[in-house]
Amino acid sequence: MPLPVALYSTAQVRALDAHAINELHVPGYTLMKRAGEAALRFLRTRWPTCHRVVIVCGGGNNGGDGYVLARFAQAAGLTVSVLAAVAPESLRDDARQAFSDYIASGGQIHAFARERLGDGDVIVDALLGTGLRAAVRPELAAVIRTLNGAQRPIFALDVPSGLDSDTGVALGVAVQADCTVTFVALKTGLFIGDGPEYAGTIFHDDLEVPVPESGEFAARLERITEAEITAALPRRARAAHKGDFGRVLIVGGGIGMPGAARLAGEAALRVGAGLVTVAVAPENVVGIVAGRPELICLPLSEPSGLERALERADVVAIGPGLGQSDWARQVLETVLHHPGPRVVDADALNLIAAHGAAARDDWILTPHPGEAARLLGTHTSDVQNDRLTALERLIKRYGGTVVLKGAGTLVGATGRTPGLCERGNPGMASAGMGDVLTGAIAGVLAQCRDPWLATRVAVLVHAMSGDAAARGGERGLIAGEVALGLRACVNL
């Protein structure tokens, strides 16, 4: 089954547990048994030939899930070894019951030992779960490092132990799982920050707990899905002409930097914009026209030369290759003086960070973590350690729609549930990728005229194109290949 769209905070998932127990009258131990059943099902789905499983249990409810899984796996005919990383005597409530039932069924446990990890085809991580908020204690950190070095696939229950289930940050050290089954609702930390790196393939089971329709349970994030592509870019009428699909103006390409503007312009064309003009320093015109004659080139000696082009454009994107000279600053001021949709990227963002700008509703800002840090007056590490909070701060400070680029790109706007793009790959960490995204946003926006939808869709198709291009290998992937692949992605 496909994963749900909505992602929730750890506090919300705990509230859902409490709702199930107190309002729906589902005993906590029943939920734990459902989790064990789901874990066994997904374990056998992922590793159908697995006959031996080692389950490493901690001291809380995550350990309880492990003991339930051990009992069910043993009953299903698997050879089960349970290693207690925390003394079972410390278990309480439902976890204690799970341990007792496992022992009563004939199960045995052993103290955690490195040499016993080789007894399993798969190792199950049932150490810590979602309750962790501070760095992993040294004794359990040693266990996690041992698991990661065991050269066996790891199956994590709920979240990989050591991972902050809200921010996706490893709290000192975290289990490097091959796959994770998460219960009740999807946790945000599995999908942002370094969460995907630790969680691997994600499975989900809601344990028959519905999410109530109330503000308390409003999603913290929403996954961006392919269905949005058709919503933004429906099938074209047979009698359509290029004027129906918008006029895009790309402003950038300062002296010696024609490539960024060309990539942005080509991306706008590839997603379907009707007419695309690039306004660049005069010496860049020949190089751009020679390489991509479909682009209209406007030689820009003085900012005043933009006036007519700005009046004709439906969408303007500024920043690719712009530079940070006095000329660039004047060009930015001219563009921002005109009303209408604006996609702001690269050097335009750096100029705003350096010189300031008032918040506005009609622009789309597309910073990478370094640019976001400059816009917020903080450090890149602060942005990466809590990307969702950084997104919220950018929206509050600058308004409009904000794209926080990176692994797990986020899209946010005032009054909207932020969107998350799970696609993309490390091969896209190369020059020009942001310029392609800028052009894609402008091109989709020129067609659908909905900044929120256009931004989400452009982020998704940009990542999808990157993934398609990376099938031949991530290393050496270049931005032009991603621009070229956009056409297939917007024609699903």
Foldseek 3Di string as FASTA:
>chain_A
DDAAFFAAAPVLLVVLLVCCCPVVVDDPLLLLLLLLVVLLVVVCVVPVPWQEEEEEAAAESLNLSSLSVQQVSVVVRGHYEYEYLYDLVNHDDSSVVSNVVSVVSVHDYHHDDLVCNVRTLEYEYSHAAAPDDAADPPSVQVVQVSQQPNPHAYEYEQAWPQANLAFLDRRNDTHQHCAYEHEQHHGNNCQAQCNCRRHHHYHYDNSPRDQDPDPSNDGQATAQDLVLLCVLPPDDDPPDALVLQFEEEEEAAEPPFLVLQLLLQLLLVLLPHSAYEYEYAQVNVVVSCVVPVRYHYHHDPALVSCVVVLVRGQEYEYAGNHDDDPRSVRNLVSNVVDDHAYEYEHVSLVNCLVPNDAADARYEYEDELCSLCSNVVHHSVVCSSHVSVSLVVCCVGHAHWYWHDDQFIWIDHPPDNIYTYNAADPLCPDPNLVSSLSSQLRNSCRNRVDNRSSNSLSVRLLRVQRVVQCVVHSHPDDSVSSSNSSNVSSVD
